[in-house]
Each structure stands twice: as structure tokens, then as C-alpha cells.
Amino acid sequence: MTAVMRNVSLAGFVVLLLGVAGCGKRGPAAPPPAAEAPRASAVTLVKPQLQTLRCTIEQPAHIEAFEETPLVARIAGYVGKVNADIGDRVRKDDVLAELHVPEMEIELRQKEALVRQAEAELKLAKDSLPLTEAEVKRTKSQAERFAKVGGNGVLDRENIEETQYSFEASKARLEMARSEVSVREARLAVARENRDFAQAMLQYRLVRAPFDGVVVRRHIDTGHFLQPGAGASAQPLFVVASTGVMRVFADVSEAEAPLVSDGCPARIRVQTLKGQEFVGKVTRSSWSLDARARTLRVEIDLPNPQGVLRPGMYATVQLHAEFSNRLTLPTTAVANQGVQTVCFQVVDGKTVSVPVQTGLRAAGLVEVLKKLRLPAKPGETVWENFTGEEACVQAGLAGLTDGQPVEVAGGAK
């Protein structure tokens, strides 16, 4: 290798070493790019408005008879005659069945005989009174006459005292006779009460309809021996349903319960009647919520003159409630943050979350009741009424945070 080539190779090696050594050194750090300022969101504001809230509650319902009464045996006896069957329309006090109880008929005749006996004894006691009263008058007159004559010395003292004793004895007999009349009157009253009781019990041999209605169940036949029913487990002879007015039952959820009150308009649609609708109103409610289902039972009374509504039918109920002059915001203007409901207002171009208390909700509107006074002192919680002048962010609250810069694009100022 020539001297020139050796010099070139050496120079290249030195350059390579210098390049490698330079790669291990760091130059000054480049300045970071400048952070962009957050872009302000555009929001629309809205103020609370006085509105009429119209709430519609729709719930499944079922129809029952206004009254449904099971008839049980009140006395023991054999069924002698059955006059009604299921589906029969009956009038109040119609005899549905007759029991055969000959022993009670005999007992009633005995009680009636005792009444006649007591009446005769009372008459006898009363008839004896005039005789006893006459005896008192006679002995009294005699005693007075003897006492007057005895004062002149004509009669001795023994005769005078004897007539006085006779007078006193006749008065005692009169009192006893009057007491006997009172006793006989009391005995007659007891005899009549016993007779009336036997008559009342014998009336139970006739099983009567308690009201106008329809016989929906029957569980007896001629010749059955019946025992008096006791408790809810007793087998009824008949079940009679009153169908002139029907009850419609619906269960309203706890959240909707405050919207329902007596007189609330209702529309009832019955599917089996080809969707026929009936108009009514809430007649009554249980007021208390069911502890397990958390529902409020409401009832609607519907006239049923044609008998088209039957117990057990399924229906759908729509309840319509109106609440006027309620201060409202769109439901999009409030949001839940944990357990607190808030709306957003704009102060100096930035959002401020304001805790609020809300009421009814209906048709995209929510009633606003109170707001937390801001700024609040540490530990201070003061709620104040909405005035209607509060400008709140109308929508898009999910993308907002407290203190976020925003631009007002339109709406209330």
C-alpha cells in the first residue's frame, strides 16, 4: 500500500471516530409547542316559564263487581229447594234457596205458646188489681170511721187498732198485686223476645239475595245438609255480584302517585270489547302505598247499565292530570350529579352549576321549585325560590363542567 493510501485511510478512521463520539452527546432541548387555549362551547340559554303541566299515566287494570257477596248458611238444615243458578239475574231479597228445618218450626210454636201463656197471666194479674184497690178503700174507710167513733169513747182501743191493721194489710196486698203485674209484664217481654229470636233464626232458612245482581257461583243442590259457615274458609252457597256499577282497579307507581287525586279524569279501554273506551274519573284511592310493590291502588267507578263490563275483565287505564301555573324548564336544562339535581347558569362567560329542587315532570318539562343561593358561605345552605329570571343552559349539560368557558349563542339573556 502506498503512503498516500495509508494517509487517506487514517484520515477516514479519525473522522469516523469523531462522528461516533459526537453521537453520544445531546444538544439543547427543543422548546415544547405552545398549549392551545380551550375552545369555548356555544350554549343556548332559557328562562323558567309558567306552564300547565299535563301528565298522562297509563297502567294495566282489571275490572271487578262493585260488590261481590258470598252467602253462607246461618243455621243447620237440609236444602229443600234451589231457586237460582249461575248467570241468573236476581233482585234484592229474592229467595235463592230454602232450607228444611222442622225442629225450629216446632220450637217457634212453643215460644209462641209461652207468649200466649204470659199474656194470660198478665191479664189475670191486672184483673185482680181493682179488687185489691177496692179492699184498700173499704178498710181505709172503716179504719177512719172507727178512729172517729173511738175518740168519743164508744169503741174500745182494740177494735180501733184491728181495723187499722186491716187497712195496712190491704195496702200491702195492693203493692204486691202491682208488683205481680210488673213481674208478669217482664215475663211477657222475655217470652216475646224469645219468640222473636226464634222467628229471626227461622228466617235464615230462606237464603235471600243481598242486592240486585247476578249469581256468579253456586255450590249447593237439593238435599244437601248444611252447617252454619264460619270464617273465610267456609264454602258459600251462592256468590252474588252487583254489576250495575263496576270498579276498575289500577296500581300507580310511587313516582306517579303524587300526580293522582280523586276526580282525576280517566279513560278506560277494554281489549275484549274491541278496544271500546269508557270515560270516568278516579273515585277513590288507597292513599297509602303497598309496602312491597310501592304502588298506589286507585279505583274508578263505571256505570254498567247494559252489563257489557264483567268481573275479571282486563283493561288499560289512562289517567290525565293537569297542574296549572307551574314554573318549568325543559328537562334537558337539568341534570343529575350524583344525588343532586343541577342546572347550569353562565356568569362572566363561564358555567356555574346550581343545585336545584324539582317537582313534577311531564311532556319534556320539569317543574323547578328552589335553587341553592350562590355564592354560599362555608357551611351555609340557603334555598330560595325560582323567580323566572334565571337564564339556564338549555341543553348539552352532559358535556359541561363547572367553570367551563362558554359562548352564549342565543336564547334568554
Protein backbone atom coordinates (compact mmCIF):
# COMPACT_ATOMS: atom_id res chain seq x y z
CA MET A 1 0.00 0.00 0.00
CA THR A 2 1.39 3.41 -0.89
CA ALA A 3 1.95 6.19 1.61
CA VAL A 4 -0.87 8.21 0.09
CA MET A 5 -3.46 5.48 0.54
CA ARG A 6 -2.33 4.89 4.12
CA ASN A 7 -2.82 8.58 4.88
CA VAL A 8 -6.35 8.57 3.37
CA SER A 9 -7.42 5.51 5.37
CA LEU A 10 -6.10 7.01 8.57
CA ALA A 11 -7.93 10.25 7.97
CA GLY A 12 -11.20 8.39 7.32
CA PHE A 13 -10.85 6.40 10.52
CA VAL A 14 -10.32 9.57 12.53
CA VAL A 15 -13.41 11.14 11.01
CA LEU A 16 -15.43 8.03 11.85
CA LEU A 17 -14.27 8.12 15.46
CA LEU A 18 -15.17 11.75 15.79
CA GLY A 19 -18.65 11.07 14.38
CA VAL A 20 -19.26 8.25 16.79
CA ALA A 21 -18.15 10.37 19.69
CA GLY A 22 -20.48 13.16 18.60
CA CYS A 23 -23.49 10.84 18.59
CA GLY A 24 -23.24 10.29 22.34
CA LYS A 25 -23.71 13.98 23.14
CA ARG A 26 -27.19 15.70 23.49
CA GLY A 27 -27.79 19.12 22.13
CA PRO A 28 -30.05 21.71 23.82
CA ALA A 29 -33.77 20.52 24.21
CA ALA A 30 -36.23 21.90 21.69
CA PRO A 31 -38.88 24.14 23.26
CA PRO A 32 -42.34 22.40 23.70
CA PRO A 33 -45.11 23.53 21.43
CA ALA A 34 -47.34 26.17 22.95
CA ALA A 35 -50.61 24.72 24.52
CA GLU A 36 -53.73 25.78 22.71
CA ALA A 37 -56.30 27.68 24.76
CA PRO A 38 -59.53 25.63 25.39
CA ARG A 39 -62.13 26.45 22.84
CA ALA A 40 -65.33 27.92 24.36
CA SER A 41 -68.51 25.91 23.81
CA ALA A 42 -71.59 27.57 22.35
CA VAL A 43 -74.69 27.30 24.54
CA THR A 44 -78.28 28.48 24.35
CA LEU A 45 -79.99 29.89 27.44
CA VAL A 46 -83.58 29.53 28.56
CA LYS A 47 -85.58 31.04 31.43
CA PRO A 48 -88.21 29.25 33.53
CA GLN A 49 -91.73 29.72 32.15
CA LEU A 50 -95.16 29.38 33.75
CA GLN A 51 -96.74 26.36 32.09
CA THR A 52 -99.63 23.96 32.56
CA LEU A 53 -98.21 20.50 33.10
CA ARG A 54 -100.33 17.75 31.56
CA CYS A 55 -99.41 14.33 32.80
CA THR A 56 -100.69 11.08 31.33
CA ILE A 57 -100.31 7.89 33.34
CA GLU A 58 -101.08 4.60 31.64
CA GLN A 59 -101.37 1.41 33.63
CA PRO A 60 -102.92 -2.04 33.20
CA ALA A 61 -106.11 -2.52 35.17
CA HIS A 62 -108.75 -5.11 35.94
CA ILE A 63 -112.49 -4.86 36.41
CA GLU A 64 -114.42 -6.21 39.37
CA ALA A 65 -118.01 -6.06 40.57
CA PHE A 66 -118.85 -3.14 42.81
CA GLU A 67 -119.91 -5.67 45.43
CA GLU A 68 -119.47 -9.44 45.49
CA THR A 69 -121.02 -11.26 48.44
CA PRO A 70 -120.67 -14.93 49.38
CA LEU A 71 -123.83 -16.29 51.03
CA VAL A 72 -123.30 -18.91 53.73
CA ALA A 73 -125.66 -20.97 55.87
CA ARG A 74 -126.65 -19.31 59.13
CA ILE A 75 -128.48 -22.35 60.56
CA ALA A 76 -128.16 -26.10 60.12
CA GLY A 77 -130.64 -27.81 57.85
CA TYR A 78 -131.31 -29.66 54.63
CA VAL A 79 -131.64 -27.88 51.30
CA GLY A 80 -135.30 -28.18 50.43
CA LYS A 81 -135.40 -26.12 47.23
CA VAL A 82 -132.95 -24.27 44.96
CA ASN A 83 -134.45 -21.34 43.07
CA ALA A 84 -131.39 -19.82 41.35
CA ASP A 85 -128.42 -20.88 39.27
CA ILE A 86 -125.29 -19.21 37.89
CA GLY A 87 -125.97 -16.40 35.46
CA ASP A 88 -129.42 -15.66 36.89
CA ARG A 89 -130.19 -12.01 37.47
CA VAL A 90 -131.80 -11.52 40.86
CA ARG A 91 -133.43 -8.70 42.74
CA LYS A 92 -132.79 -7.73 46.35
CA ASP A 93 -134.45 -10.18 48.82
CA ASP A 94 -135.23 -12.77 46.13
CA VAL A 95 -135.22 -16.27 47.70
CA LEU A 96 -132.34 -18.21 46.15
CA ALA A 97 -132.78 -21.37 48.22
CA GLU A 98 -134.96 -22.75 51.03
CA LEU A 99 -133.82 -24.95 53.93
CA HIS A 100 -135.95 -27.56 55.66
CA VAL A 101 -135.65 -27.22 59.50
CA PRO A 102 -138.80 -28.72 61.10
CA GLU A 103 -137.33 -28.69 64.63
CA MET A 104 -137.01 -24.91 64.52
CA GLU A 105 -140.60 -24.58 63.37
CA ILE A 106 -141.71 -26.64 66.40
CA GLU A 107 -139.53 -24.51 68.68
CA LEU A 108 -141.14 -21.37 67.29
CA ARG A 109 -144.63 -22.72 68.04
CA GLN A 110 -143.51 -23.46 71.60
CA LYS A 111 -142.24 -19.91 72.03
CA GLU A 112 -145.50 -18.52 70.65
CA ALA A 113 -147.44 -20.64 73.17
CA LEU A 114 -145.31 -19.27 76.00
CA VAL A 115 -146.13 -15.76 74.85
CA ARG A 116 -149.84 -16.52 75.00
CA GLN A 117 -149.43 -18.02 78.48
CA ALA A 118 -147.56 -14.93 79.69
CA GLU A 119 -150.25 -12.68 78.21
CA ALA A 120 -152.96 -14.64 80.08
CA GLU A 121 -151.08 -14.45 83.37
CA LEU A 122 -150.58 -10.73 82.95
CA LYS A 123 -154.27 -10.25 82.24
CA LEU A 124 -155.16 -12.22 85.36
CA ALA A 125 -152.81 -10.11 87.47
CA LYS A 126 -154.23 -6.89 86.07
CA ASP A 127 -157.82 -8.07 86.61
CA SER A 128 -157.12 -8.67 90.31
CA LEU A 129 -155.92 -5.12 90.85
CA PRO A 130 -159.38 -3.47 91.03
CA LEU A 131 -160.49 -5.93 93.74
CA THR A 132 -157.40 -5.23 95.80
CA GLU A 133 -157.81 -1.48 95.31
CA ALA A 134 -161.46 -1.74 96.42
CA GLU A 135 -160.40 -3.67 99.52
CA VAL A 136 -157.96 -0.87 100.38
CA LYS A 137 -160.69 1.74 100.07
CA ARG A 138 -163.05 -0.31 102.31
CA THR A 139 -160.53 -0.91 105.06
CA LYS A 140 -159.37 2.68 104.93
CA SER A 141 -162.92 3.97 105.34
CA GLN A 142 -163.58 1.55 108.17
CA ALA A 143 -160.36 2.50 109.96
CA GLU A 144 -161.17 6.21 109.68
CA ARG A 145 -164.74 5.66 110.95
CA PHE A 146 -163.61 3.53 113.88
CA ALA A 147 -160.97 6.02 114.81
CA LYS A 148 -163.57 8.82 114.87
CA VAL A 149 -166.08 6.84 116.94
CA GLY A 150 -163.35 5.59 119.23
CA GLY A 151 -162.43 9.14 120.02
CA ASN A 152 -165.89 9.59 121.60
CA GLY A 153 -165.35 6.54 123.83
CA VAL A 154 -167.93 4.35 122.06
CA LEU A 155 -165.39 1.65 120.86
CA ASP A 156 -162.51 0.20 122.75
CA ARG A 157 -158.95 0.66 121.58
CA GLU A 158 -158.57 -2.98 120.47
CA ASN A 159 -161.24 -2.68 117.77
CA ILE A 160 -159.77 0.56 116.51
CA GLU A 161 -156.30 -0.99 116.18
CA GLU A 162 -157.68 -4.09 114.45
CA THR A 163 -159.35 -2.02 111.73
CA GLN A 164 -156.13 -0.03 111.29
CA TYR A 165 -154.16 -3.28 110.87
CA SER A 166 -156.65 -4.47 108.23
CA PHE A 167 -156.16 -1.24 106.34
CA GLU A 168 -152.36 -1.60 106.42
CA ALA A 169 -152.58 -5.24 105.28
CA SER A 170 -154.81 -4.33 102.33
CA LYS A 171 -152.33 -1.66 101.27
CA ALA A 172 -149.53 -4.25 101.36
CA ARG A 173 -151.60 -6.65 99.25
CA LEU A 174 -152.17 -3.85 96.74
CA GLU A 175 -148.44 -3.25 96.45
CA MET A 176 -147.87 -6.96 95.99
CA ALA A 177 -150.54 -7.08 93.30
CA ARG A 178 -148.94 -4.19 91.46
CA SER A 179 -145.53 -5.86 91.74
CA GLU A 180 -147.05 -9.05 90.38
CA VAL A 181 -148.31 -7.11 87.38
CA SER A 182 -144.79 -5.76 86.81
CA VAL A 183 -143.32 -9.25 87.05
CA ARG A 184 -145.89 -10.62 84.61
CA GLU A 185 -145.13 -7.78 82.19
CA ALA A 186 -141.40 -8.59 82.37
CA ARG A 187 -142.10 -12.30 81.80
CA LEU A 188 -144.25 -11.43 78.81
CA ALA A 189 -141.45 -9.25 77.40
CA VAL A 190 -138.96 -12.12 77.79
CA ALA A 191 -141.37 -14.54 76.14
CA ARG A 192 -141.86 -12.20 73.22
CA GLU A 193 -138.09 -11.69 72.83
CA ASN A 194 -137.59 -15.47 72.78
CA ARG A 195 -140.34 -15.82 70.20
CA ASP A 196 -138.88 -13.04 68.06
CA PHE A 197 -135.44 -14.65 68.26
CA ALA A 198 -136.84 -17.98 67.12
CA GLN A 199 -138.68 -16.21 64.29
CA ALA A 200 -135.49 -14.39 63.23
CA MET A 201 -133.47 -17.59 63.24
CA LEU A 202 -136.13 -19.39 61.25
CA GLN A 203 -135.96 -16.64 58.61
CA TYR A 204 -132.42 -17.83 57.86
CA ARG A 205 -133.92 -20.94 56.27
CA LEU A 206 -134.58 -18.63 53.32
CA VAL A 207 -131.34 -17.68 51.53
CA ARG A 208 -132.02 -14.24 50.04
CA ALA A 209 -130.18 -12.06 47.54
CA PRO A 210 -128.45 -9.17 49.36
CA PHE A 211 -128.86 -6.76 46.41
CA ASP A 212 -129.74 -6.58 42.73
CA GLY A 213 -127.14 -8.52 40.80
CA VAL A 214 -126.08 -11.74 39.14
CA VAL A 215 -125.46 -15.17 40.66
CA VAL A 216 -121.85 -15.89 39.66
CA ARG A 217 -121.31 -19.09 41.68
CA ARG A 218 -123.48 -21.82 43.18
CA HIS A 219 -122.31 -24.68 45.40
CA ILE A 220 -125.46 -26.43 46.67
CA ASP A 221 -128.04 -28.93 45.45
CA THR A 222 -131.34 -30.17 46.79
CA GLY A 223 -130.90 -32.43 49.80
CA HIS A 224 -127.51 -31.12 50.89
CA PHE A 225 -127.12 -30.91 54.66
CA LEU A 226 -125.70 -27.52 55.60
CA GLN A 227 -123.88 -26.40 58.71
CA PRO A 228 -123.51 -22.74 59.73
CA GLY A 229 -120.49 -21.24 57.94
CA ALA A 230 -117.63 -19.74 59.95
CA GLY A 231 -114.56 -17.86 58.75
CA ALA A 232 -113.21 -17.12 55.31
CA SER A 233 -112.75 -20.84 54.55
CA ALA A 234 -116.49 -21.57 54.76
CA GLN A 235 -117.93 -22.81 51.49
CA PRO A 236 -120.51 -20.29 50.23
CA LEU A 237 -123.90 -21.45 49.00
CA PHE A 238 -124.00 -18.74 46.34
CA VAL A 239 -121.88 -15.77 45.32
CA VAL A 240 -123.86 -12.75 44.09
CA ALA A 241 -122.17 -9.87 42.25
CA SER A 242 -123.57 -6.37 41.91
CA THR A 243 -122.96 -5.30 38.29
CA GLY A 244 -124.91 -2.04 37.95
CA VAL A 245 -121.69 -0.20 38.71
CA MET A 246 -118.26 -1.76 38.20
CA ARG A 247 -114.96 -0.99 39.89
CA VAL A 248 -111.82 -0.54 37.78
CA PHE A 249 -108.61 -1.15 39.76
CA ALA A 250 -105.18 0.13 38.72
CA ASP A 251 -101.86 0.34 40.54
CA VAL A 252 -99.85 3.54 40.05
CA SER A 253 -96.11 3.62 40.67
CA GLU A 254 -94.65 5.51 43.60
CA ALA A 255 -93.13 8.16 41.33
CA GLU A 256 -96.51 8.87 39.72
CA ALA A 257 -98.61 8.59 42.88
CA PRO A 258 -98.41 12.34 43.72
CA LEU A 259 -99.97 13.10 40.32
CA VAL A 260 -103.18 11.19 41.10
CA SER A 261 -106.05 12.58 43.16
CA ASP A 262 -109.77 11.95 43.49
CA GLY A 263 -111.62 13.29 40.46
CA CYS A 264 -108.67 12.83 38.12
CA PRO A 265 -110.08 12.23 34.56
CA ALA A 266 -109.62 8.70 33.26
CA ARG A 267 -110.13 6.76 30.04
CA ILE A 268 -110.60 3.01 30.23
CA ARG A 269 -110.00 0.79 27.20
CA VAL A 270 -111.20 -2.82 27.30
CA GLN A 271 -109.42 -5.09 24.84
CA THR A 272 -112.04 -7.85 24.76
CA LEU A 273 -114.69 -5.30 23.76
CA LYS A 274 -112.72 -4.46 20.59
CA GLY A 275 -110.91 -1.66 22.32
CA GLN A 276 -114.10 0.10 23.39
CA GLU A 277 -113.33 3.10 25.58
CA PHE A 278 -115.15 4.36 28.64
CA VAL A 279 -114.77 7.77 30.25
CA GLY A 280 -114.69 8.15 34.00
CA LYS A 281 -112.69 9.63 36.83
CA VAL A 282 -110.80 8.44 39.87
CA THR A 283 -113.38 7.79 42.57
CA ARG A 284 -111.04 6.88 45.41
CA SER A 285 -107.53 5.71 46.20
CA SER A 286 -105.91 3.73 48.98
CA TRP A 287 -103.80 6.83 49.84
CA SER A 288 -101.24 4.50 51.37
CA LEU A 289 -98.74 2.75 49.10
CA ASP A 290 -98.33 -1.01 49.07
CA ALA A 291 -95.25 -1.74 51.16
CA ARG A 292 -93.90 -4.43 48.82
CA ALA A 293 -94.87 -3.23 45.35
CA ARG A 294 -94.55 0.52 46.17
CA THR A 295 -97.73 1.24 44.24
CA LEU A 296 -100.88 3.23 44.93
CA ARG A 297 -104.22 1.47 44.39
CA VAL A 298 -106.77 3.67 42.59
CA GLU A 299 -110.40 2.85 41.83
CA ILE A 300 -112.72 4.14 39.14
CA ASP A 301 -116.47 3.52 39.38
CA LEU A 302 -118.05 2.93 35.97
CA PRO A 303 -121.82 2.72 35.40
CA ASN A 304 -122.69 -0.53 33.65
CA PRO A 305 -126.39 -0.25 32.69
CA GLN A 306 -126.07 -2.59 29.68
CA GLY A 307 -123.98 -5.14 31.55
CA VAL A 308 -121.18 -5.14 28.95
CA LEU A 309 -118.49 -4.94 31.65
CA ARG A 310 -117.91 -8.16 33.53
CA PRO A 311 -115.88 -9.02 36.62
CA GLY A 312 -112.41 -10.25 35.76
CA MET A 313 -112.01 -8.32 32.50
CA TYR A 314 -108.60 -6.85 31.66
CA ALA A 315 -108.35 -3.17 30.78
CA THR A 316 -105.91 -0.32 30.26
CA VAL A 317 -106.37 2.92 32.17
CA GLN A 318 -105.10 6.33 31.17
CA LEU A 319 -105.16 8.96 33.91
CA HIS A 320 -104.91 12.61 32.88
CA ALA A 321 -103.76 15.18 35.40
CA GLU A 322 -103.30 18.93 34.86
CA PHE A 323 -101.33 21.33 37.03
CA SER A 324 -101.53 24.98 36.04
CA ASN A 325 -99.15 27.87 36.72
CA ARG A 326 -96.08 25.76 37.38
CA LEU A 327 -92.63 27.31 36.82
CA THR A 328 -90.86 24.94 34.43
CA LEU A 329 -87.67 24.35 32.46
CA PRO A 330 -87.08 21.86 29.64
CA THR A 331 -85.96 18.53 31.03
CA THR A 332 -82.74 18.99 29.01
CA ALA A 333 -81.90 22.01 31.19
CA VAL A 334 -81.42 19.96 34.37
CA ALA A 335 -79.10 17.06 35.06
CA ASN A 336 -78.31 14.72 37.92
CA GLN A 337 -74.89 14.89 39.51
CA GLY A 338 -74.85 12.06 41.97
CA VAL A 339 -77.81 12.55 44.25
CA GLN A 340 -78.12 16.24 43.41
CA THR A 341 -80.04 17.80 40.53
CA VAL A 342 -78.40 20.85 39.00
CA CYS A 343 -78.84 23.39 36.25
CA PHE A 344 -76.08 25.50 34.69
CA GLN A 345 -76.02 29.29 34.57
CA VAL A 346 -73.43 31.47 32.82
CA VAL A 347 -71.51 34.03 34.88
CA ASP A 348 -68.70 36.08 33.27
CA GLY A 349 -68.53 33.69 30.33
CA LYS A 350 -68.14 30.58 32.49
CA THR A 351 -70.62 27.92 33.60
CA VAL A 352 -71.77 27.72 37.20
CA SER A 353 -73.63 24.59 38.37
CA VAL A 354 -76.56 25.49 40.61
CA PRO A 355 -78.21 22.76 42.76
CA VAL A 356 -81.99 22.85 42.31
CA GLN A 357 -85.09 21.20 43.74
CA THR A 358 -87.53 19.90 41.14
CA GLY A 359 -91.16 18.79 41.18
CA LEU A 360 -93.41 17.36 38.50
CA ARG A 361 -92.20 16.18 35.12
CA ALA A 362 -94.38 15.93 32.03
CA ALA A 363 -94.14 16.31 28.25
CA GLY A 364 -90.48 17.32 28.24
CA LEU A 365 -90.88 19.84 31.06
CA VAL A 366 -89.76 19.75 34.66
CA GLU A 367 -91.10 21.91 37.47
CA VAL A 368 -88.37 23.89 39.24
CA LEU A 369 -89.09 24.77 42.84
CA LYS A 370 -85.98 26.11 44.57
CA LYS A 371 -82.33 26.76 43.89
CA LEU A 372 -79.33 26.97 46.17
CA ARG A 373 -78.26 30.56 46.82
CA LEU A 374 -74.80 31.19 45.38
CA PRO A 375 -72.18 32.10 46.35
CA ALA A 376 -72.70 30.37 49.66
CA LYS A 377 -70.70 30.88 52.80
CA PRO A 378 -68.84 27.85 54.19
CA GLY A 379 -71.37 25.52 55.78
CA GLU A 380 -74.30 27.63 54.59
CA THR A 381 -77.19 26.08 52.69
CA VAL A 382 -79.93 28.52 51.77
CA TRP A 383 -82.63 27.52 49.29
CA GLU A 384 -84.55 30.24 47.51
CA ASN A 385 -87.48 30.18 45.11
CA PHE A 386 -87.02 30.47 41.38
CA THR A 387 -88.12 33.88 40.14
CA GLY A 388 -88.36 33.12 36.44
CA GLU A 389 -85.46 35.43 35.59
CA GLU A 390 -82.74 32.81 35.86
CA ALA A 391 -81.06 32.16 32.48
CA CYS A 392 -80.08 28.49 32.36
CA VAL A 393 -78.25 26.45 29.75
CA GLN A 394 -80.94 24.79 27.69
CA ALA A 395 -79.25 21.57 26.58
CA GLY A 396 -75.99 19.64 26.36
CA LEU A 397 -75.36 19.56 30.10
CA ALA A 398 -73.56 16.22 29.90
CA GLY A 399 -70.58 17.90 28.24
CA LEU A 400 -70.36 20.79 30.71
CA THR A 401 -68.29 21.19 33.83
CA ASP A 402 -68.32 23.82 36.50
CA GLY A 403 -66.22 26.82 35.45
CA GLN A 404 -66.06 25.89 31.76
CA PRO A 405 -65.78 28.84 29.33
CA VAL A 406 -68.83 29.11 27.06
CA GLU A 407 -70.21 31.44 24.48
CA VAL A 408 -73.90 32.33 24.52
CA ALA A 409 -75.22 31.53 21.07
CA GLY A 410 -78.80 32.58 21.66
CA GLY A 411 -81.88 32.24 23.79
CA ALA A 412 -82.69 34.09 27.00
CA LYS A 413 -80.24 36.68 28.26
